[in-house]
Amino acid sequence: NSVVKNRFVAEFQKVISLIFHYHYLWDKTDEKKRNGAAIDEHLAIIDALEARDEAAALAATRRHLKTSKTTLLSSLRYHDLV
């Protein structure tokens, strides 16, 4: 990424770092189940994008963000960070 002189890439890298940091903190209980659900949610987003179905892509993204938020908040409570 240091080779690419692009603001989008630089900002996206910051987001990726944040996501990896918080995933590291998450409770590992049911991790395989959560990862499977995340994969399914990501595939639903990709399928909607490939179909050029904006409404479905937005709905799938909202579902994924809701799931992610719930999991993150639950895990942060586990670590007494909330």
C-alpha atoms as a PDB file:
ATOM      1  CA  ASN A   1       0.000   0.000   0.000  1.00  0.00           C
ATOM      2  CA  SER A   2       2.886   2.393   0.515  1.00  0.00           C
ATOM      3  CA  VAL A   3       3.560   2.233  -3.224  1.00  0.00           C
ATOM      4  CA  VAL A   4       0.081   3.525  -4.090  1.00  0.00           C
ATOM      5  CA  LYS A   5      -0.215   7.283  -3.683  1.00  0.00           C
ATOM      6  CA  ASN A   6      -3.978   7.340  -3.382  1.00  0.00           C
ATOM      7  CA  ARG A   7      -5.987   8.880  -0.534  1.00  0.00           C
ATOM      8  CA  PHE A   8      -8.732   6.267  -0.866  1.00  0.00           C
ATOM      9  CA  VAL A   9      -6.241   3.418  -0.402  1.00  0.00           C
ATOM     10  CA  ALA A  10      -4.621   5.158   2.579  1.00  0.00           C
ATOM     11  CA  GLU A  11      -7.960   5.803   4.295  1.00  0.00           C
ATOM     12  CA  PHE A  12      -9.219   2.311   3.490  1.00  0.00           C
ATOM     13  CA  GLN A  13      -6.098   0.851   5.107  1.00  0.00           C
ATOM     14  CA  LYS A  14      -6.949   2.732   8.310  1.00  0.00           C
ATOM     15  CA  VAL A  15     -10.431   1.194   8.318  1.00  0.00           C
ATOM     16  CA  ILE A  16      -9.002  -2.285   7.740  1.00  0.00           C
ATOM     17  CA  SER A  17      -6.573  -1.787  10.640  1.00  0.00           C
ATOM     18  CA  LEU A  18      -9.421  -0.736  12.920  1.00  0.00           C
ATOM     19  CA  ILE A  19     -11.503  -3.763  11.954  1.00  0.00           C
ATOM     20  CA  PHE A  20      -8.606  -6.170  12.552  1.00  0.00           C
ATOM     21  CA  HIS A  21      -7.852  -4.542  15.898  1.00  0.00           C
ATOM     22  CA  TYR A  22     -11.402  -5.003  17.148  1.00  0.00           C
ATOM     23  CA  HIS A  23     -11.716  -8.516  15.736  1.00  0.00           C
ATOM     24  CA  TYR A  24      -8.671  -9.435  17.826  1.00  0.00           C
ATOM     25  CA  LEU A  25     -10.508  -8.267  20.949  1.00  0.00           C
ATOM     26  CA  TRP A  26     -13.685 -10.207  20.212  1.00  0.00           C
ATOM     27  CA  ASP A  27     -14.690 -13.154  22.336  1.00  0.00           C
ATOM     28  CA  LYS A  28     -13.666 -16.336  20.511  1.00  0.00           C
ATOM     29  CA  THR A  29     -16.772 -18.245  21.625  1.00  0.00           C
ATOM     30  CA  ASP A  30     -18.804 -19.230  18.545  1.00  0.00           C
ATOM     31  CA  GLU A  31     -16.170 -17.644  16.297  1.00  0.00           C
ATOM     32  CA  LYS A  32     -16.640 -20.255  13.570  1.00  0.00           C
ATOM     33  CA  LYS A  33     -20.404 -19.670  13.549  1.00  0.00           C
ATOM     34  CA  ARG A  34     -19.937 -15.883  13.403  1.00  0.00           C
ATOM     35  CA  ASN A  35     -17.387 -16.184  10.595  1.00  0.00           C
ATOM     36  CA  GLY A  36     -19.783 -18.361   8.604  1.00  0.00           C
ATOM     37  CA  ALA A  37     -22.562 -15.828   9.071  1.00  0.00           C
ATOM     38  CA  ALA A  38     -20.233 -12.992   8.015  1.00  0.00           C
ATOM     39  CA  ILE A  39     -19.252 -14.890   4.867  1.00  0.00           C
ATOM     40  CA  ASP A  40     -22.917 -15.434   4.002  1.00  0.00           C
ATOM     41  CA  GLU A  41     -23.633 -11.744   4.579  1.00  0.00           C
ATOM     42  CA  HIS A  42     -20.677 -10.685   2.422  1.00  0.00           C
ATOM     43  CA  LEU A  43     -21.787 -13.023  -0.368  1.00  0.00           C
ATOM     44  CA  ALA A  44     -25.310 -11.563  -0.234  1.00  0.00           C
ATOM     45  CA  ILE A  45     -23.828  -8.092  -0.723  1.00  0.00           C
ATOM     46  CA  ILE A  46     -21.649  -9.295  -3.612  1.00  0.00           C
ATOM     47  CA  ASP A  47     -24.578 -11.109  -5.253  1.00  0.00           C
ATOM     48  CA  ALA A  48     -26.718  -7.971  -5.074  1.00  0.00           C
ATOM     49  CA  LEU A  49     -23.914  -5.845  -6.497  1.00  0.00           C
ATOM     50  CA  GLU A  50     -23.354  -8.287  -9.355  1.00  0.00           C
ATOM     51  CA  ALA A  51     -27.091  -8.185 -10.077  1.00  0.00           C
ATOM     52  CA  ARG A  52     -26.931  -4.387  -9.995  1.00  0.00           C
ATOM     53  CA  ASP A  53     -29.739  -4.458  -7.422  1.00  0.00           C
ATOM     54  CA  GLU A  54     -29.085  -1.352  -5.363  1.00  0.00           C
ATOM     55  CA  ALA A  55     -31.958  -1.930  -2.928  1.00  0.00           C
ATOM     56  CA  ALA A  56     -30.839  -5.495  -2.209  1.00  0.00           C
ATOM     57  CA  ALA A  57     -27.201  -4.417  -1.836  1.00  0.00           C
ATOM     58  CA  LEU A  58     -28.156  -1.692   0.636  1.00  0.00           C
ATOM     59  CA  ALA A  59     -30.418  -4.067   2.587  1.00  0.00           C
ATOM     60  CA  ALA A  60     -27.699  -6.746   2.730  1.00  0.00           C
ATOM     61  CA  THR A  61     -25.130  -4.176   3.838  1.00  0.00           C
ATOM     62  CA  ARG A  62     -27.436  -2.868   6.565  1.00  0.00           C
ATOM     63  CA  ARG A  63     -28.038  -6.435   7.804  1.00  0.00           C
ATOM     64  CA  HIS A  64     -24.300  -7.057   7.946  1.00  0.00           C
ATOM     65  CA  LEU A  65     -23.588  -3.797   9.768  1.00  0.00           C
ATOM     66  CA  LYS A  66     -26.334  -4.564  12.299  1.00  0.00           C
ATOM     67  CA  THR A  67     -24.892  -8.038  12.921  1.00  0.00           C
ATOM     68  CA  SER A  68     -21.364  -6.621  13.189  1.00  0.00           C
ATOM     69  CA  LYS A  69     -22.439  -3.928  15.628  1.00  0.00           C
ATOM     70  CA  THR A  70     -24.243  -6.445  17.837  1.00  0.00           C
ATOM     71  CA  THR A  71     -21.233  -8.773  17.864  1.00  0.00           C
ATOM     72  CA  LEU A  72     -18.784  -5.946  18.531  1.00  0.00           C
ATOM     73  CA  LEU A  73     -20.790  -4.500  21.423  1.00  0.00           C
ATOM     74  CA  SER A  74     -21.279  -7.945  22.926  1.00  0.00           C
ATOM     75  CA  SER A  75     -17.575  -8.676  22.767  1.00  0.00           C
ATOM     76  CA  LEU A  76     -16.585  -5.292  24.168  1.00  0.00           C
ATOM     77  CA  ARG A  77     -18.819  -5.938  27.172  1.00  0.00           C
ATOM     78  CA  TYR A  78     -16.978  -9.251  27.599  1.00  0.00           C
ATOM     79  CA  HIS A  79     -13.738  -7.247  27.861  1.00  0.00           C
ATOM     80  CA  ASP A  80     -15.327  -4.577  30.091  1.00  0.00           C
ATOM     81  CA  LEU A  81     -14.609  -1.921  27.453  1.00  0.00           C
ATOM     82  CA  VAL A  82     -18.179  -0.581  27.307  1.00  0.00           C
END
